């Protein structure tokens, strides 16, 4: 994938405090913006959507330590 983009919430400076995503019609890939040549995580689009929905609705206190 070559359409990588960062969140507008990437932090100060050069914005290296986040992940980047790229999507195709069927998958979403995620990579570390500080190490873009290293491994990526690729998920089917419905799985990625469920993951994001869970992050939005689960209180931080319920995340594992």
PDB file of N, CA and C in Angstrom:
ATOM      1  N   UNK A   1       0.848  -1.181   0.000  1.00  0.00           N
ATOM      2  CA  UNK A   1       0.000   0.000   0.000  1.00  0.00           C
ATOM      3  C   UNK A   1       0.884   1.231   0.000  1.00  0.00           C
ATOM      4  N   UNK A   2       0.460   2.225  -0.700  1.00  0.00           N
ATOM      5  CA  UNK A   2       1.281   3.429  -0.769  1.00  0.00           C
ATOM      6  C   UNK A   2       0.510   4.696  -0.404  1.00  0.00           C
ATOM      7  N   UNK A   3      -0.665   4.559   0.164  1.00  0.00           N
ATOM      8  CA  UNK A   3      -1.463   5.725   0.531  1.00  0.00           C
ATOM      9  C   UNK A   3      -1.484   5.937   2.045  1.00  0.00           C
ATOM     10  N   UNK A   4      -0.309   5.885   2.680  1.00  0.00           N
ATOM     11  CA  UNK A   4      -0.193   6.026   4.132  1.00  0.00           C
ATOM     12  C   UNK A   4      -0.545   7.443   4.558  1.00  0.00           C
ATOM     13  N   UNK A   5      -1.230   7.543   5.699  1.00  0.00           N
ATOM     14  CA  UNK A   5      -1.557   8.860   6.242  1.00  0.00           C
ATOM     15  C   UNK A   5      -1.546   8.812   7.766  1.00  0.00           C
ATOM     16  N   UNK A   6      -1.246   9.965   8.353  1.00  0.00           N
ATOM     17  CA  UNK A   6      -1.207  10.106   9.811  1.00  0.00           C
ATOM     18  C   UNK A   6      -2.453  10.820  10.288  1.00  0.00           C
ATOM     19  N   UNK A   7      -2.763  10.594  11.527  1.00  0.00           N
ATOM     20  CA  UNK A   7      -3.859  11.307  12.164  1.00  0.00           C
ATOM     21  C   UNK A   7      -3.496  12.776  12.326  1.00  0.00           C
ATOM     22  N   UNK A   8      -4.500  13.615  12.359  1.00  0.00           N
ATOM     23  CA  UNK A   8      -4.263  15.031  12.652  1.00  0.00           C
ATOM     24  C   UNK A   8      -3.896  15.210  14.118  1.00  0.00           C
ATOM     25  N   UNK A   9      -4.015  14.156  14.923  1.00  0.00           N
ATOM     26  CA  UNK A   9      -3.654  14.188  16.341  1.00  0.00           C
ATOM     27  C   UNK A   9      -2.291  13.540  16.573  1.00  0.00           C
ATOM     28  N   UNK A  10      -1.364  13.752  15.682  1.00  0.00           N
ATOM     29  CA  UNK A  10      -0.072  13.071  15.720  1.00  0.00           C
ATOM     30  C   UNK A  10       0.917  13.642  16.713  1.00  0.00           C
ATOM     31  N   UNK A  11       0.574  14.668  17.426  1.00  0.00           N
ATOM     32  CA  UNK A  11       1.498  15.261  18.381  1.00  0.00           C
ATOM     33  C   UNK A  11       2.280  16.394  17.758  1.00  0.00           C
ATOM     34  N   UNK A  12       3.103  17.008  18.574  1.00  0.00           N
ATOM     35  CA  UNK A  12       3.878  18.158  18.119  1.00  0.00           C
ATOM     36  C   UNK A  12       5.073  17.777  17.274  1.00  0.00           C
ATOM     37  N   UNK A  13       5.841  18.771  16.880  1.00  0.00           N
ATOM     38  CA  UNK A  13       7.044  18.536  16.094  1.00  0.00           C
ATOM     39  C   UNK A  13       6.729  17.951  14.733  1.00  0.00           C
ATOM     40  N   UNK A  14       7.433  16.876  14.411  1.00  0.00           N
ATOM     41  CA  UNK A  14       7.244  16.268  13.097  1.00  0.00           C
ATOM     42  C   UNK A  14       6.129  15.232  13.058  1.00  0.00           C
ATOM     43  N   UNK A  15       5.378  15.093  14.157  1.00  0.00           N
ATOM     44  CA  UNK A  15       4.227  14.188  14.173  1.00  0.00           C
ATOM     45  C   UNK A  15       4.573  12.723  14.220  1.00  0.00           C
ATOM     46  N   UNK A  16       5.706  12.368  14.825  1.00  0.00           N
ATOM     47  CA  UNK A  16       6.125  10.970  14.856  1.00  0.00           C
ATOM     48  C   UNK A  16       5.583  10.186  16.043  1.00  0.00           C
ATOM     49  N   UNK A  17       4.625  10.722  16.765  1.00  0.00           N
ATOM     50  CA  UNK A  17       4.112  10.051  17.956  1.00  0.00           C
ATOM     51  C   UNK A  17       2.815   9.307  17.675  1.00  0.00           C
ATOM     52  N   UNK A  18       2.733   8.650  16.560  1.00  0.00           N
ATOM     53  CA  UNK A  18       1.480   7.977  16.232  1.00  0.00           C
ATOM     54  C   UNK A  18       1.716   6.808  15.296  1.00  0.00           C
ATOM     55  N   UNK A  19       0.624   6.231  14.879  1.00  0.00           N
ATOM     56  CA  UNK A  19       0.657   5.223  13.836  1.00  0.00           C
ATOM     57  C   UNK A  19       0.137   5.849  12.555  1.00  0.00           C
ATOM     58  N   UNK A  20       0.404   5.189  11.468  1.00  0.00           N
ATOM     59  CA  UNK A  20      -0.120   5.597  10.167  1.00  0.00           C
ATOM     60  C   UNK A  20      -1.018   4.466   9.678  1.00  0.00           C
ATOM     61  N   UNK A  21      -1.991   4.822   8.863  1.00  0.00           N
ATOM     62  CA  UNK A  21      -2.841   3.800   8.271  1.00  0.00           C
ATOM     63  C   UNK A  21      -2.898   3.982   6.760  1.00  0.00           C
ATOM     64  N   UNK A  22      -3.157   2.893   6.093  1.00  0.00           N
ATOM     65  CA  UNK A  22      -3.406   2.883   4.644  1.00  0.00           C
ATOM     66  C   UNK A  22      -4.535   1.899   4.427  1.00  0.00           C
ATOM     67  N   UNK A  23      -5.389   2.203   3.490  1.00  0.00           N
ATOM     68  CA  UNK A  23      -6.495   1.282   3.276  1.00  0.00           C
ATOM     69  C   UNK A  23      -6.686   0.952   1.800  1.00  0.00           C
ATOM     70  N   UNK A  24      -7.253  -0.222   1.611  1.00  0.00           N
ATOM     71  CA  UNK A  24      -7.686  -0.686   0.301  1.00  0.00           C
ATOM     72  C   UNK A  24      -9.182  -0.976   0.446  1.00  0.00           C
ATOM     73  N   UNK A  25      -9.848  -1.392  -0.605  1.00  0.00           N
ATOM     74  CA  UNK A  25     -11.275  -1.690  -0.462  1.00  0.00           C
ATOM     75  C   UNK A  25     -11.580  -2.805   0.552  1.00  0.00           C
ATOM     76  N   UNK A  26     -10.618  -3.692   0.807  1.00  0.00           N
ATOM     77  CA  UNK A  26     -10.907  -4.836   1.678  1.00  0.00           C
ATOM     78  C   UNK A  26     -10.078  -4.906   2.958  1.00  0.00           C
ATOM     79  N   UNK A  27      -9.005  -4.118   3.074  1.00  0.00           N
ATOM     80  CA  UNK A  27      -8.107  -4.211   4.227  1.00  0.00           C
ATOM     81  C   UNK A  27      -7.640  -2.825   4.689  1.00  0.00           C
ATOM     82  N   UNK A  28      -7.199  -2.785   5.957  1.00  0.00           N
ATOM     83  CA  UNK A  28      -6.559  -1.594   6.510  1.00  0.00           C
ATOM     84  C   UNK A  28      -5.225  -2.042   7.089  1.00  0.00           C
ATOM     85  N   UNK A  29      -4.155  -1.328   6.745  1.00  0.00           N
ATOM     86  CA  UNK A  29      -2.826  -1.624   7.277  1.00  0.00           C
ATOM     87  C   UNK A  29      -2.425  -0.522   8.245  1.00  0.00           C
ATOM     88  N   UNK A  30      -1.697  -0.920   9.291  1.00  0.00           N
ATOM     89  CA  UNK A  30      -1.271  -0.011  10.343  1.00  0.00           C
ATOM     90  C   UNK A  30       0.232  -0.180  10.508  1.00  0.00           C
ATOM     91  N   UNK A  31       0.951   0.954  10.666  1.00  0.00           N
ATOM     92  CA  UNK A  31       2.392   0.881  10.917  1.00  0.00           C
ATOM     93  C   UNK A  31       2.809   1.989  11.868  1.00  0.00           C
ATOM     94  N   UNK A  32       3.959   1.812  12.465  1.00  0.00           N
ATOM     95  CA  UNK A  32       4.538   2.795  13.388  1.00  0.00           C
ATOM     96  C   UNK A  32       5.165   3.921  12.573  1.00  0.00           C
ATOM     97  N   UNK A  33       4.763   5.158  12.827  1.00  0.00           N
ATOM     98  CA  UNK A  33       5.295   6.277  12.050  1.00  0.00           C
ATOM     99  C   UNK A  33       6.774   6.511  12.305  1.00  0.00           C
ATOM    100  N   UNK A  34       7.295   6.019  13.441  1.00  0.00           N
ATOM    101  CA  UNK A  34       8.721   6.179  13.740  1.00  0.00           C
ATOM    102  C   UNK A  34       9.575   5.146  13.009  1.00  0.00           C
ATOM    103  N   UNK A  35       8.960   4.063  12.566  1.00  0.00           N
ATOM    104  CA  UNK A  35       9.694   2.981  11.893  1.00  0.00           C
ATOM    105  C   UNK A  35       8.869   2.454  10.725  1.00  0.00           C
ATOM    106  N   UNK A  36       8.643   3.274   9.715  1.00  0.00           N
ATOM    107  CA  UNK A  36       7.736   2.887   8.632  1.00  0.00           C
ATOM    108  C   UNK A  36       8.204   1.715   7.772  1.00  0.00           C
ATOM    109  N   UNK A  37       9.483   1.371   7.814  1.00  0.00           N
ATOM    110  CA  UNK A  37       9.954   0.251   7.001  1.00  0.00           C
ATOM    111  C   UNK A  37       9.840  -1.087   7.731  1.00  0.00           C
ATOM    112  N   UNK A  38       9.481  -1.037   8.998  1.00  0.00           N
ATOM    113  CA  UNK A  38       9.329  -2.282   9.755  1.00  0.00           C
ATOM    114  C   UNK A  38       7.967  -2.894   9.475  1.00  0.00           C
ATOM    115  N   UNK A  39       7.624  -3.907  10.201  1.00  0.00           N
ATOM    116  CA  UNK A  39       6.398  -4.682   9.960  1.00  0.00           C
ATOM    117  C   UNK A  39       5.133  -3.836  10.051  1.00  0.00           C
ATOM    118  N   UNK A  40       4.144  -4.250   9.297  1.00  0.00           N
ATOM    119  CA  UNK A  40       2.825  -3.633   9.361  1.00  0.00           C
ATOM    120  C   UNK A  40       1.828  -4.674   9.864  1.00  0.00           C
ATOM    121  N   UNK A  41       0.725  -4.187  10.392  1.00  0.00           N
ATOM    122  CA  UNK A  41      -0.382  -5.030  10.792  1.00  0.00           C
ATOM    123  C   UNK A  41      -1.503  -4.774   9.802  1.00  0.00           C
ATOM    124  N   UNK A  42      -1.972  -5.814   9.122  1.00  0.00           N
ATOM    125  CA  UNK A  42      -3.037  -5.667   8.134  1.00  0.00           C
ATOM    126  C   UNK A  42      -4.252  -6.462   8.585  1.00  0.00           C
ATOM    127  N   UNK A  43      -5.383  -5.769   8.621  1.00  0.00           N
ATOM    128  CA  UNK A  43      -6.635  -6.369   9.082  1.00  0.00           C
ATOM    129  C   UNK A  43      -7.706  -6.219   8.013  1.00  0.00           C
ATOM    130  N   UNK A  44      -8.645  -7.165   7.952  1.00  0.00           N
ATOM    131  CA  UNK A  44      -9.808  -6.947   7.095  1.00  0.00           C
ATOM    132  C   UNK A  44     -10.546  -5.692   7.592  1.00  0.00           C
ATOM    133  N   UNK A  45     -11.133  -4.947   6.684  1.00  0.00           N
ATOM    134  CA  UNK A  45     -11.793  -3.696   7.045  1.00  0.00           C
ATOM    135  C   UNK A  45     -12.825  -3.866   8.165  1.00  0.00           C
ATOM    136  N   UNK A  46     -13.689  -4.889   8.145  1.00  0.00           N
ATOM    137  CA  UNK A  46     -14.654  -5.018   9.251  1.00  0.00           C
ATOM    138  C   UNK A  46     -13.985  -5.234  10.613  1.00  0.00           C
ATOM    139  N   UNK A  47     -12.875  -5.946  10.639  1.00  0.00           N
ATOM    140  CA  UNK A  47     -12.152  -6.171  11.890  1.00  0.00           C
ATOM    141  C   UNK A  47     -11.552  -4.870  12.401  1.00  0.00           C
ATOM    142  N   UNK A  48     -10.958  -4.085  11.506  1.00  0.00           N
ATOM    143  CA  UNK A  48     -10.404  -2.792  11.890  1.00  0.00           C
ATOM    144  C   UNK A  48     -11.502  -1.875  12.426  1.00  0.00           C
ATOM    145  N   UNK A  49     -12.648  -1.862  11.765  1.00  0.00           N
ATOM    146  CA  UNK A  49     -13.765  -1.025  12.208  1.00  0.00           C
ATOM    147  C   UNK A  49     -14.234  -1.436  13.603  1.00  0.00           C
ATOM    148  N   UNK A  50     -14.338  -2.728  13.855  1.00  0.00           N
ATOM    149  CA  UNK A  50     -14.732  -3.211  15.182  1.00  0.00           C
ATOM    150  C   UNK A  50     -13.705  -2.816  16.231  1.00  0.00           C
ATOM    151  N   UNK A  51     -12.422  -2.894  15.888  1.00  0.00           N
ATOM    152  CA  UNK A  51     -11.344  -2.498  16.798  1.00  0.00           C
ATOM    153  C   UNK A  51     -11.471  -1.022  17.170  1.00  0.00           C
ATOM    154  N   UNK A  52     -11.660  -0.163  16.196  1.00  0.00           N
ATOM    155  CA  UNK A  52     -11.793   1.273  16.453  1.00  0.00           C
ATOM    156  C   UNK A  52     -13.044   1.553  17.282  1.00  0.00           C
ATOM    157  N   UNK A  53     -14.147   0.900  16.962  1.00  0.00           N
ATOM    158  CA  UNK A  53     -15.374   1.073  17.741  1.00  0.00           C
ATOM    159  C   UNK A  53     -15.167   0.672  19.197  1.00  0.00           C
ATOM    160  N   UNK A  54     -14.446  -0.420  19.425  1.00  0.00           N
ATOM    161  CA  UNK A  54     -14.162  -0.861  20.798  1.00  0.00           C
ATOM    162  C   UNK A  54     -13.301   0.163  21.527  1.00  0.00           C
ATOM    163  N   UNK A  55     -12.307   0.731  20.840  1.00  0.00           N
ATOM    164  CA  UNK A  55     -11.479   1.762  21.473  1.00  0.00           C
ATOM    165  C   UNK A  55     -12.310   2.983  21.876  1.00  0.00           C
ATOM    166  N   UNK A  56     -13.271   3.331  21.057  1.00  0.00           N
ATOM    167  CA  UNK A  56     -14.105   4.503  21.328  1.00  0.00           C
ATOM    168  C   UNK A  56     -15.076   4.273  22.480  1.00  0.00           C
ATOM    169  N   UNK A  57     -15.474   3.031  22.716  1.00  0.00           N
ATOM    170  CA  UNK A  57     -16.524   2.775  23.696  1.00  0.00           C
ATOM    171  C   UNK A  57     -16.043   2.120  24.990  1.00  0.00           C
ATOM    172  N   UNK A  58     -14.816   1.645  25.029  1.00  0.00           N
ATOM    173  CA  UNK A  58     -14.296   0.977  26.220  1.00  0.00           C
ATOM    174  C   UNK A  58     -13.513   1.971  27.081  1.00  0.00           C
ATOM    175  N   UNK A  59     -13.899   2.150  28.338  1.00  0.00           N
ATOM    176  CA  UNK A  59     -13.131   3.059  29.207  1.00  0.00           C
ATOM    177  C   UNK A  59     -11.685   2.569  29.367  1.00  0.00           C
ATOM    178  N   UNK A  60     -10.775   3.485  29.419  1.00  0.00           N
ATOM    179  CA  UNK A  60      -9.344   3.141  29.556  1.00  0.00           C
ATOM    180  C   UNK A  60      -9.100   2.265  30.781  1.00  0.00           C
ATOM    181  N   UNK A  61      -9.863   2.454  31.835  1.00  0.00           N
ATOM    182  CA  UNK A  61      -9.671   1.657  33.055  1.00  0.00           C
ATOM    183  C   UNK A  61      -9.912   0.167  32.813  1.00  0.00           C
ATOM    184  N   UNK A  62     -10.581  -0.187  31.736  1.00  0.00           N
ATOM    185  CA  UNK A  62     -10.843  -1.602  31.440  1.00  0.00           C
ATOM    186  C   UNK A  62      -9.784  -2.228  30.531  1.00  0.00           C
ATOM    187  N   UNK A  63      -8.818  -1.444  30.047  1.00  0.00           N
ATOM    188  CA  UNK A  63      -7.750  -2.015  29.226  1.00  0.00           C
ATOM    189  C   UNK A  63      -6.788  -2.786  30.115  1.00  0.00           C
ATOM    190  N   UNK A  64      -6.229  -3.880  29.611  1.00  0.00           N
ATOM    191  CA  UNK A  64      -5.237  -4.614  30.413  1.00  0.00           C
ATOM    192  C   UNK A  64      -3.996  -3.754  30.662  1.00  0.00           C
ATOM    193  N   UNK A  65      -3.351  -4.002  31.766  1.00  0.00           N
ATOM    194  CA  UNK A  65      -2.141  -3.233  32.115  1.00  0.00           C
ATOM    195  C   UNK A  65      -0.975  -3.626  31.271  1.00  0.00           C
TER     196      UNK A  65
END
